[in-house]
Amino acid sequence: MTKISFTIIFALALFFTVISKTSETMIENQCSTVLDPNDCNLSWCQSNCRQQYQGFGSCVDVNPHKCVCIYDCSPKMIY
């Protein structure tokens, strides 16, 4: 019984460690830029963000809404 409990606890600890490291890496590799600080049309914002940065565009803030693009800015490996 003790052996099974130790194995389960070890596996859970390992799982949470991997998840936390993966989350940190994902957050560190995200950049954002404001595409339009004065107004936001959601379809325009999403389309331009996808075309320019291959990212996700969203309208944020209160009036006037801003178009913010969130994209992957990790260094690209070229082989």
PDB file of N, CA and C in Angstrom:
ATOM      1  N   MET A   1       0.824  -1.195   0.000  1.00  0.00           N
ATOM      2  CA  MET A   1       0.000   0.000   0.000  1.00  0.00           C
ATOM      3  C   MET A   1       0.870   1.261   0.000  1.00  0.00           C
ATOM      4  N   THR A   2       1.915   1.257   0.825  1.00  0.00           N
ATOM      5  CA  THR A   2       2.796   2.415   0.892  1.00  0.00           C
ATOM      6  C   THR A   2       3.509   2.626  -0.431  1.00  0.00           C
ATOM      7  N   LYS A   3       3.897   1.550  -1.068  1.00  0.00           N
ATOM      8  CA  LYS A   3       4.594   1.647  -2.339  1.00  0.00           C
ATOM      9  C   LYS A   3       3.694   2.267  -3.409  1.00  0.00           C
ATOM     10  N   ILE A   4       2.436   1.889  -3.439  1.00  0.00           N
ATOM     11  CA  ILE A   4       1.495   2.449  -4.405  1.00  0.00           C
ATOM     12  C   ILE A   4       1.261   3.927  -4.113  1.00  0.00           C
ATOM     13  N   SER A   5       1.098   4.295  -2.867  1.00  0.00           N
ATOM     14  CA  SER A   5       0.869   5.689  -2.496  1.00  0.00           C
ATOM     15  C   SER A   5       2.062   6.560  -2.886  1.00  0.00           C
ATOM     16  N   PHE A   6       3.271   6.076  -2.619  1.00  0.00           N
ATOM     17  CA  PHE A   6       4.462   6.831  -2.984  1.00  0.00           C
ATOM     18  C   PHE A   6       4.535   7.018  -4.495  1.00  0.00           C
ATOM     19  N   THR A   7       4.228   5.981  -5.240  1.00  0.00           N
ATOM     20  CA  THR A   7       4.255   6.054  -6.703  1.00  0.00           C
ATOM     21  C   THR A   7       3.245   7.062  -7.218  1.00  0.00           C
ATOM     22  N   ILE A   8       2.060   7.052  -6.668  1.00  0.00           N
ATOM     23  CA  ILE A   8       1.020   7.998  -7.091  1.00  0.00           C
ATOM     24  C   ILE A   8       1.424   9.427  -6.757  1.00  0.00           C
ATOM     25  N   ILE A   9       1.928   9.645  -5.553  1.00  0.00           N
ATOM     26  CA  ILE A   9       2.351  10.994  -5.156  1.00  0.00           C
ATOM     27  C   ILE A   9       3.496  11.473  -6.038  1.00  0.00           C
ATOM     28  N   PHE A  10       4.454  10.602  -6.319  1.00  0.00           N
ATOM     29  CA  PHE A  10       5.575  10.971  -7.181  1.00  0.00           C
ATOM     30  C   PHE A  10       5.097  11.316  -8.588  1.00  0.00           C
ATOM     31  N   ALA A  11       4.186  10.513  -9.125  1.00  0.00           N
ATOM     32  CA  ALA A  11       3.658  10.759 -10.473  1.00  0.00           C
ATOM     33  C   ALA A  11       2.904  12.086 -10.528  1.00  0.00           C
ATOM     34  N   LEU A  12       2.101  12.378  -9.518  1.00  0.00           N
ATOM     35  CA  LEU A  12       1.370  13.649  -9.479  1.00  0.00           C
ATOM     36  C   LEU A  12       2.327  14.835  -9.375  1.00  0.00           C
ATOM     37  N   ALA A  13       3.345  14.716  -8.543  1.00  0.00           N
ATOM     38  CA  ALA A  13       4.321  15.795  -8.415  1.00  0.00           C
ATOM     39  C   ALA A  13       5.038  16.035  -9.739  1.00  0.00           C
ATOM     40  N   LEU A  14       5.417  14.974 -10.408  1.00  0.00           N
ATOM     41  CA  LEU A  14       6.075  15.092 -11.706  1.00  0.00           C
ATOM     42  C   LEU A  14       5.145  15.737 -12.730  1.00  0.00           C
ATOM     43  N   PHE A  15       3.894  15.330 -12.737  1.00  0.00           N
ATOM     44  CA  PHE A  15       2.895  15.883 -13.654  1.00  0.00           C
ATOM     45  C   PHE A  15       2.740  17.391 -13.442  1.00  0.00           C
ATOM     46  N   PHE A  16       2.575  17.827 -12.195  1.00  0.00           N
ATOM     47  CA  PHE A  16       2.393  19.253 -11.925  1.00  0.00           C
ATOM     48  C   PHE A  16       3.650  20.061 -12.239  1.00  0.00           C
ATOM     49  N   THR A  17       4.814  19.483 -12.050  1.00  0.00           N
ATOM     50  CA  THR A  17       6.055  20.168 -12.406  1.00  0.00           C
ATOM     51  C   THR A  17       6.138  20.397 -13.909  1.00  0.00           C
ATOM     52  N   VAL A  18       5.817  19.390 -14.681  1.00  0.00           N
ATOM     53  CA  VAL A  18       5.848  19.512 -16.146  1.00  0.00           C
ATOM     54  C   VAL A  18       4.837  20.545 -16.617  1.00  0.00           C
ATOM     55  N   ILE A  19       3.629  20.512 -16.062  1.00  0.00           N
ATOM     56  CA  ILE A  19       2.589  21.471 -16.444  1.00  0.00           C
ATOM     57  C   ILE A  19       3.019  22.893 -16.109  1.00  0.00           C
ATOM     58  N   SER A  20       3.590  23.120 -14.938  1.00  0.00           N
ATOM     59  CA  SER A  20       3.990  24.480 -14.565  1.00  0.00           C
ATOM     60  C   SER A  20       5.123  24.987 -15.454  1.00  0.00           C
ATOM     61  N   LYS A  21       6.073  24.144 -15.803  1.00  0.00           N
ATOM     62  CA  LYS A  21       7.167  24.562 -16.685  1.00  0.00           C
ATOM     63  C   LYS A  21       6.658  24.848 -18.090  1.00  0.00           C
ATOM     64  N   THR A  22       5.714  24.049 -18.571  1.00  0.00           N
ATOM     65  CA  THR A  22       5.136  24.272 -19.895  1.00  0.00           C
ATOM     66  C   THR A  22       4.379  25.587 -19.922  1.00  0.00           C
ATOM     67  N   SER A  23       3.628  25.887 -18.873  1.00  0.00           N
ATOM     68  CA  SER A  23       2.869  27.134 -18.807  1.00  0.00           C
ATOM     69  C   SER A  23       3.801  28.337 -18.804  1.00  0.00           C
ATOM     70  N   GLU A  24       4.895  28.266 -18.053  1.00  0.00           N
ATOM     71  CA  GLU A  24       5.854  29.368 -18.023  1.00  0.00           C
ATOM     72  C   GLU A  24       6.434  29.608 -19.407  1.00  0.00           C
ATOM     73  N   THR A  25       6.776  28.570 -20.101  1.00  0.00           N
ATOM     74  CA  THR A  25       7.353  28.695 -21.433  1.00  0.00           C
ATOM     75  C   THR A  25       6.366  29.320 -22.396  1.00  0.00           C
ATOM     76  N   MET A  26       5.115  28.910 -22.328  1.00  0.00           N
ATOM     77  CA  MET A  26       4.102  29.453 -23.226  1.00  0.00           C
ATOM     78  C   MET A  26       3.905  30.941 -22.977  1.00  0.00           C
ATOM     79  N   ILE A  27       3.895  31.367 -21.707  1.00  0.00           N
ATOM     80  CA  ILE A  27       3.693  32.774 -21.386  1.00  0.00           C
ATOM     81  C   ILE A  27       4.904  33.596 -21.813  1.00  0.00           C
ATOM     82  N   GLU A  28       6.102  33.092 -21.608  1.00  0.00           N
ATOM     83  CA  GLU A  28       7.313  33.821 -21.957  1.00  0.00           C
ATOM     84  C   GLU A  28       7.425  34.061 -23.453  1.00  0.00           C
ATOM     85  N   ASN A  29       6.852  33.211 -24.265  1.00  0.00           N
ATOM     86  CA  ASN A  29       6.984  33.319 -25.709  1.00  0.00           C
ATOM     87  C   ASN A  29       5.849  34.084 -26.359  1.00  0.00           C
ATOM     88  N   GLN A  30       5.020  34.766 -25.562  1.00  0.00           N
ATOM     89  CA  GLN A  30       3.918  35.533 -26.125  1.00  0.00           C
ATOM     90  C   GLN A  30       4.244  37.014 -26.075  1.00  0.00           C
ATOM     91  N   CYS A  31       4.000  37.677 -27.195  1.00  0.00           N
ATOM     92  CA  CYS A  31       4.166  39.118 -27.279  1.00  0.00           C
ATOM     93  C   CYS A  31       2.828  39.723 -27.669  1.00  0.00           C
ATOM     94  N   SER A  32       2.704  41.012 -27.452  1.00  0.00           N
ATOM     95  CA  SER A  32       1.480  41.692 -27.872  1.00  0.00           C
ATOM     96  C   SER A  32       1.840  43.058 -28.431  1.00  0.00           C
ATOM     97  N   THR A  33       0.994  43.521 -29.331  1.00  0.00           N
ATOM     98  CA  THR A  33       1.168  44.841 -29.905  1.00  0.00           C
ATOM     99  C   THR A  33      -0.207  45.432 -30.169  1.00  0.00           C
ATOM    100  N   VAL A  34      -0.305  46.743 -30.064  1.00  0.00           N
ATOM    101  CA  VAL A  34      -1.566  47.431 -30.332  1.00  0.00           C
ATOM    102  C   VAL A  34      -1.596  47.783 -31.812  1.00  0.00           C
ATOM    103  N   LEU A  35      -2.568  47.237 -32.533  1.00  0.00           N
ATOM    104  CA  LEU A  35      -2.686  47.518 -33.962  1.00  0.00           C
ATOM    105  C   LEU A  35      -3.443  48.814 -34.215  1.00  0.00           C
ATOM    106  N   ASP A  36      -4.428  49.124 -33.374  1.00  0.00           N
ATOM    107  CA  ASP A  36      -5.197  50.362 -33.511  1.00  0.00           C
ATOM    108  C   ASP A  36      -5.578  50.854 -32.121  1.00  0.00           C
ATOM    109  N   PRO A  37      -4.952  51.943 -31.637  1.00  0.00           N
ATOM    110  CA  PRO A  37      -5.228  52.420 -30.287  1.00  0.00           C
ATOM    111  C   PRO A  37      -6.512  53.243 -30.167  1.00  0.00           C
ATOM    112  N   ASN A  38      -7.109  53.636 -31.284  1.00  0.00           N
ATOM    113  CA  ASN A  38      -8.238  54.559 -31.238  1.00  0.00           C
ATOM    114  C   ASN A  38      -9.599  53.909 -31.402  1.00  0.00           C
ATOM    115  N   ASP A  39      -9.674  52.775 -32.055  1.00  0.00           N
ATOM    116  CA  ASP A  39     -10.956  52.143 -32.330  1.00  0.00           C
ATOM    117  C   ASP A  39     -10.698  50.665 -32.602  1.00  0.00           C
ATOM    118  N   CYS A  40     -11.748  49.860 -32.505  1.00  0.00           N
ATOM    119  CA  CYS A  40     -11.557  48.433 -32.765  1.00  0.00           C
ATOM    120  C   CYS A  40     -12.769  47.851 -33.466  1.00  0.00           C
ATOM    121  N   ASN A  41     -12.521  47.329 -34.653  1.00  0.00           N
ATOM    122  CA  ASN A  41     -13.494  46.522 -35.372  1.00  0.00           C
ATOM    123  C   ASN A  41     -12.984  45.092 -35.247  1.00  0.00           C
ATOM    124  N   LEU A  42     -13.749  44.238 -34.571  1.00  0.00           N
ATOM    125  CA  LEU A  42     -13.253  42.907 -34.220  1.00  0.00           C
ATOM    126  C   LEU A  42     -12.818  42.087 -35.431  1.00  0.00           C
ATOM    127  N   SER A  43     -13.609  42.084 -36.488  1.00  0.00           N
ATOM    128  CA  SER A  43     -13.227  41.269 -37.653  1.00  0.00           C
ATOM    129  C   SER A  43     -11.956  41.807 -38.307  1.00  0.00           C
ATOM    130  N   TRP A  44     -11.818  43.127 -38.396  1.00  0.00           N
ATOM    131  CA  TRP A  44     -10.604  43.739 -38.949  1.00  0.00           C
ATOM    132  C   TRP A  44      -9.406  43.409 -38.060  1.00  0.00           C
ATOM    133  N   CYS A  45      -9.611  43.528 -36.757  1.00  0.00           N
ATOM    134  CA  CYS A  45      -8.539  43.280 -35.793  1.00  0.00           C
ATOM    135  C   CYS A  45      -8.036  41.839 -35.894  1.00  0.00           C
ATOM    136  N   GLN A  46      -8.956  40.887 -35.905  1.00  0.00           N
ATOM    137  CA  GLN A  46      -8.561  39.480 -35.992  1.00  0.00           C
ATOM    138  C   GLN A  46      -7.875  39.172 -37.316  1.00  0.00           C
ATOM    139  N   SER A  47      -8.412  39.722 -38.395  1.00  0.00           N
ATOM    140  CA  SER A  47      -7.856  39.462 -39.720  1.00  0.00           C
ATOM    141  C   SER A  47      -6.444  40.029 -39.858  1.00  0.00           C
ATOM    142  N   ASN A  48      -6.257  41.282 -39.457  1.00  0.00           N
ATOM    143  CA  ASN A  48      -4.932  41.901 -39.578  1.00  0.00           C
ATOM    144  C   ASN A  48      -3.903  41.237 -38.673  1.00  0.00           C
ATOM    145  N   CYS A  49      -4.326  40.869 -37.485  1.00  0.00           N
ATOM    146  CA  CYS A  49      -3.400  40.198 -36.568  1.00  0.00           C
ATOM    147  C   CYS A  49      -2.965  38.857 -37.149  1.00  0.00           C
ATOM    148  N   ARG A  50      -3.897  38.123 -37.720  1.00  0.00           N
ATOM    149  CA  ARG A  50      -3.581  36.832 -38.313  1.00  0.00           C
ATOM    150  C   ARG A  50      -2.638  37.003 -39.501  1.00  0.00           C
ATOM    151  N   GLN A  51      -2.886  38.024 -40.334  1.00  0.00           N
ATOM    152  CA  GLN A  51      -2.058  38.238 -41.523  1.00  0.00           C
ATOM    153  C   GLN A  51      -0.654  38.724 -41.171  1.00  0.00           C
ATOM    154  N   GLN A  52      -0.562  39.682 -40.247  1.00  0.00           N
ATOM    155  CA  GLN A  52       0.733  40.295 -39.942  1.00  0.00           C
ATOM    156  C   GLN A  52       1.593  39.466 -38.993  1.00  0.00           C
ATOM    157  N   TYR A  53       0.954  38.829 -38.000  1.00  0.00           N
ATOM    158  CA  TYR A  53       1.724  38.165 -36.948  1.00  0.00           C
ATOM    159  C   TYR A  53       1.379  36.689 -36.751  1.00  0.00           C
ATOM    160  N   GLN A  54       0.421  36.168 -37.502  1.00  0.00           N
ATOM    161  CA  GLN A  54      -0.092  34.816 -37.281  1.00  0.00           C
ATOM    162  C   GLN A  54      -0.536  34.659 -35.828  1.00  0.00           C
ATOM    163  N   GLY A  55      -1.213  35.696 -35.316  1.00  0.00           N
ATOM    164  CA  GLY A  55      -1.641  35.707 -33.923  1.00  0.00           C
ATOM    165  C   GLY A  55      -3.137  35.823 -33.761  1.00  0.00           C
ATOM    166  N   PHE A  56      -3.549  36.202 -32.550  1.00  0.00           N
ATOM    167  CA  PHE A  56      -4.956  36.333 -32.194  1.00  0.00           C
ATOM    168  C   PHE A  56      -5.240  37.787 -31.851  1.00  0.00           C
ATOM    169  N   GLY A  57      -6.145  38.420 -32.605  1.00  0.00           N
ATOM    170  CA  GLY A  57      -6.512  39.809 -32.368  1.00  0.00           C
ATOM    171  C   GLY A  57      -7.770  39.912 -31.542  1.00  0.00           C
ATOM    172  N   SER A  58      -7.803  40.913 -30.645  1.00  0.00           N
ATOM    173  CA  SER A  58      -8.955  41.085 -29.773  1.00  0.00           C
ATOM    174  C   SER A  58      -9.134  42.560 -29.438  1.00  0.00           C
ATOM    175  N   CYS A  59     -10.386  42.957 -29.208  1.00  0.00           N
ATOM    176  CA  CYS A  59     -10.696  44.317 -28.775  1.00  0.00           C
ATOM    177  C   CYS A  59     -10.669  44.339 -27.252  1.00  0.00           C
ATOM    178  N   VAL A  60      -9.885  45.240 -26.687  1.00  0.00           N
ATOM    179  CA  VAL A  60      -9.758  45.323 -25.235  1.00  0.00           C
ATOM    180  C   VAL A  60      -9.944  46.755 -24.771  1.00  0.00           C
ATOM    181  N   ASP A  61     -10.094  46.915 -23.459  1.00  0.00           N
ATOM    182  CA  ASP A  61     -10.216  48.210 -22.801  1.00  0.00           C
ATOM    183  C   ASP A  61     -11.635  48.742 -22.942  1.00  0.00           C
ATOM    184  N   VAL A  62     -11.907  49.852 -22.282  1.00  0.00           N
ATOM    185  CA  VAL A  62     -13.202  50.521 -22.398  1.00  0.00           C
ATOM    186  C   VAL A  62     -13.106  51.542 -23.513  1.00  0.00           C
ATOM    187  N   ASN A  63     -14.221  52.189 -23.836  1.00  0.00           N
ATOM    188  CA  ASN A  63     -14.235  53.135 -24.965  1.00  0.00           C
ATOM    189  C   ASN A  63     -13.118  54.144 -24.850  1.00  0.00           C
ATOM    190  N   PRO A  64     -12.368  54.371 -25.878  1.00  0.00           N
ATOM    191  CA  PRO A  64     -12.378  53.652 -27.149  1.00  0.00           C
ATOM    192  C   PRO A  64     -11.645  52.320 -27.007  1.00  0.00           C
ATOM    193  N   HIS A  65     -12.200  51.292 -27.601  1.00  0.00           N
ATOM    194  CA  HIS A  65     -11.572  49.970 -27.570  1.00  0.00           C
ATOM    195  C   HIS A  65     -10.294  49.995 -28.403  1.00  0.00           C
ATOM    196  N   LYS A  66      -9.339  49.173 -27.994  1.00  0.00           N
ATOM    197  CA  LYS A  66      -8.069  49.060 -28.718  1.00  0.00           C
ATOM    198  C   LYS A  66      -7.982  47.677 -29.347  1.00  0.00           C
ATOM    199  N   CYS A  67      -7.394  47.624 -30.529  1.00  0.00           N
ATOM    200  CA  CYS A  67      -7.144  46.339 -31.181  1.00  0.00           C
ATOM    201  C   CYS A  67      -5.762  45.863 -30.745  1.00  0.00           C
ATOM    202  N   VAL A  68      -5.722  44.767 -30.002  1.00  0.00           N
ATOM    203  CA  VAL A  68      -4.467  44.214 -29.503  1.00  0.00           C
ATOM    204  C   VAL A  68      -4.245  42.848 -30.138  1.00  0.00           C
ATOM    205  N   CYS A  69      -3.036  42.642 -30.617  1.00  0.00           N
ATOM    206  CA  CYS A  69      -2.664  41.379 -31.251  1.00  0.00           C
ATOM    207  C   CYS A  69      -1.705  40.631 -30.327  1.00  0.00           C
ATOM    208  N   ILE A  70      -2.035  39.382 -30.002  1.00  0.00           N
ATOM    209  CA  ILE A  70      -1.173  38.526 -29.189  1.00  0.00           C
ATOM    210  C   ILE A  70      -0.627  37.441 -30.106  1.00  0.00           C
ATOM    211  N   TYR A  71       0.690  37.296 -30.106  1.00  0.00           N
ATOM    212  CA  TYR A  71       1.320  36.370 -31.049  1.00  0.00           C
ATOM    213  C   TYR A  71       2.540  35.707 -30.432  1.00  0.00           C
ATOM    214  N   ASP A  72       2.990  34.655 -31.062  1.00  0.00           N
ATOM    215  CA  ASP A  72       4.159  33.903 -30.620  1.00  0.00           C
ATOM    216  C   ASP A  72       5.413  34.632 -31.085  1.00  0.00           C
ATOM    217  N   CYS A  73       6.248  35.029 -30.148  1.00  0.00           N
ATOM    218  CA  CYS A  73       7.470  35.745 -30.522  1.00  0.00           C
ATOM    219  C   CYS A  73       8.718  34.955 -30.125  1.00  0.00           C
ATOM    220  N   SER A  74       8.570  33.648 -29.970  1.00  0.00           N
ATOM    221  CA  SER A  74       9.731  32.830 -29.644  1.00  0.00           C
ATOM    222  C   SER A  74      10.685  32.820 -30.831  1.00  0.00           C
ATOM    223  N   PRO A  75      11.974  32.717 -30.562  1.00  0.00           N
ATOM    224  CA  PRO A  75      12.930  32.689 -31.672  1.00  0.00           C
ATOM    225  C   PRO A  75      12.703  31.460 -32.536  1.00  0.00           C
ATOM    226  N   LYS A  76      12.705  31.673 -33.819  1.00  0.00           N
ATOM    227  CA  LYS A  76      12.495  30.578 -34.767  1.00  0.00           C
ATOM    228  C   LYS A  76      13.835  29.926 -35.078  1.00  0.00           C
ATOM    229  N   MET A  77      13.853  28.609 -35.042  1.00  0.00           N
ATOM    230  CA  MET A  77      15.065  27.865 -35.365  1.00  0.00           C
ATOM    231  C   MET A  77      15.095  27.611 -36.866  1.00  0.00           C
ATOM    232  N   ILE A  78      16.191  27.966 -37.507  1.00  0.00           N
ATOM    233  CA  ILE A  78      16.353  27.734 -38.940  1.00  0.00           C
ATOM    234  C   ILE A  78      17.439  26.682 -39.115  1.00  0.00           C
ATOM    235  N   TYR A  79      17.104  25.620 -39.788  1.00  0.00           N
ATOM    236  CA  TYR A  79      18.065  24.526 -39.996  1.00  0.00           C
ATOM    237  C   TYR A  79      18.572  24.541 -41.403  1.00  0.00           C
TER     238      TYR A  79
END
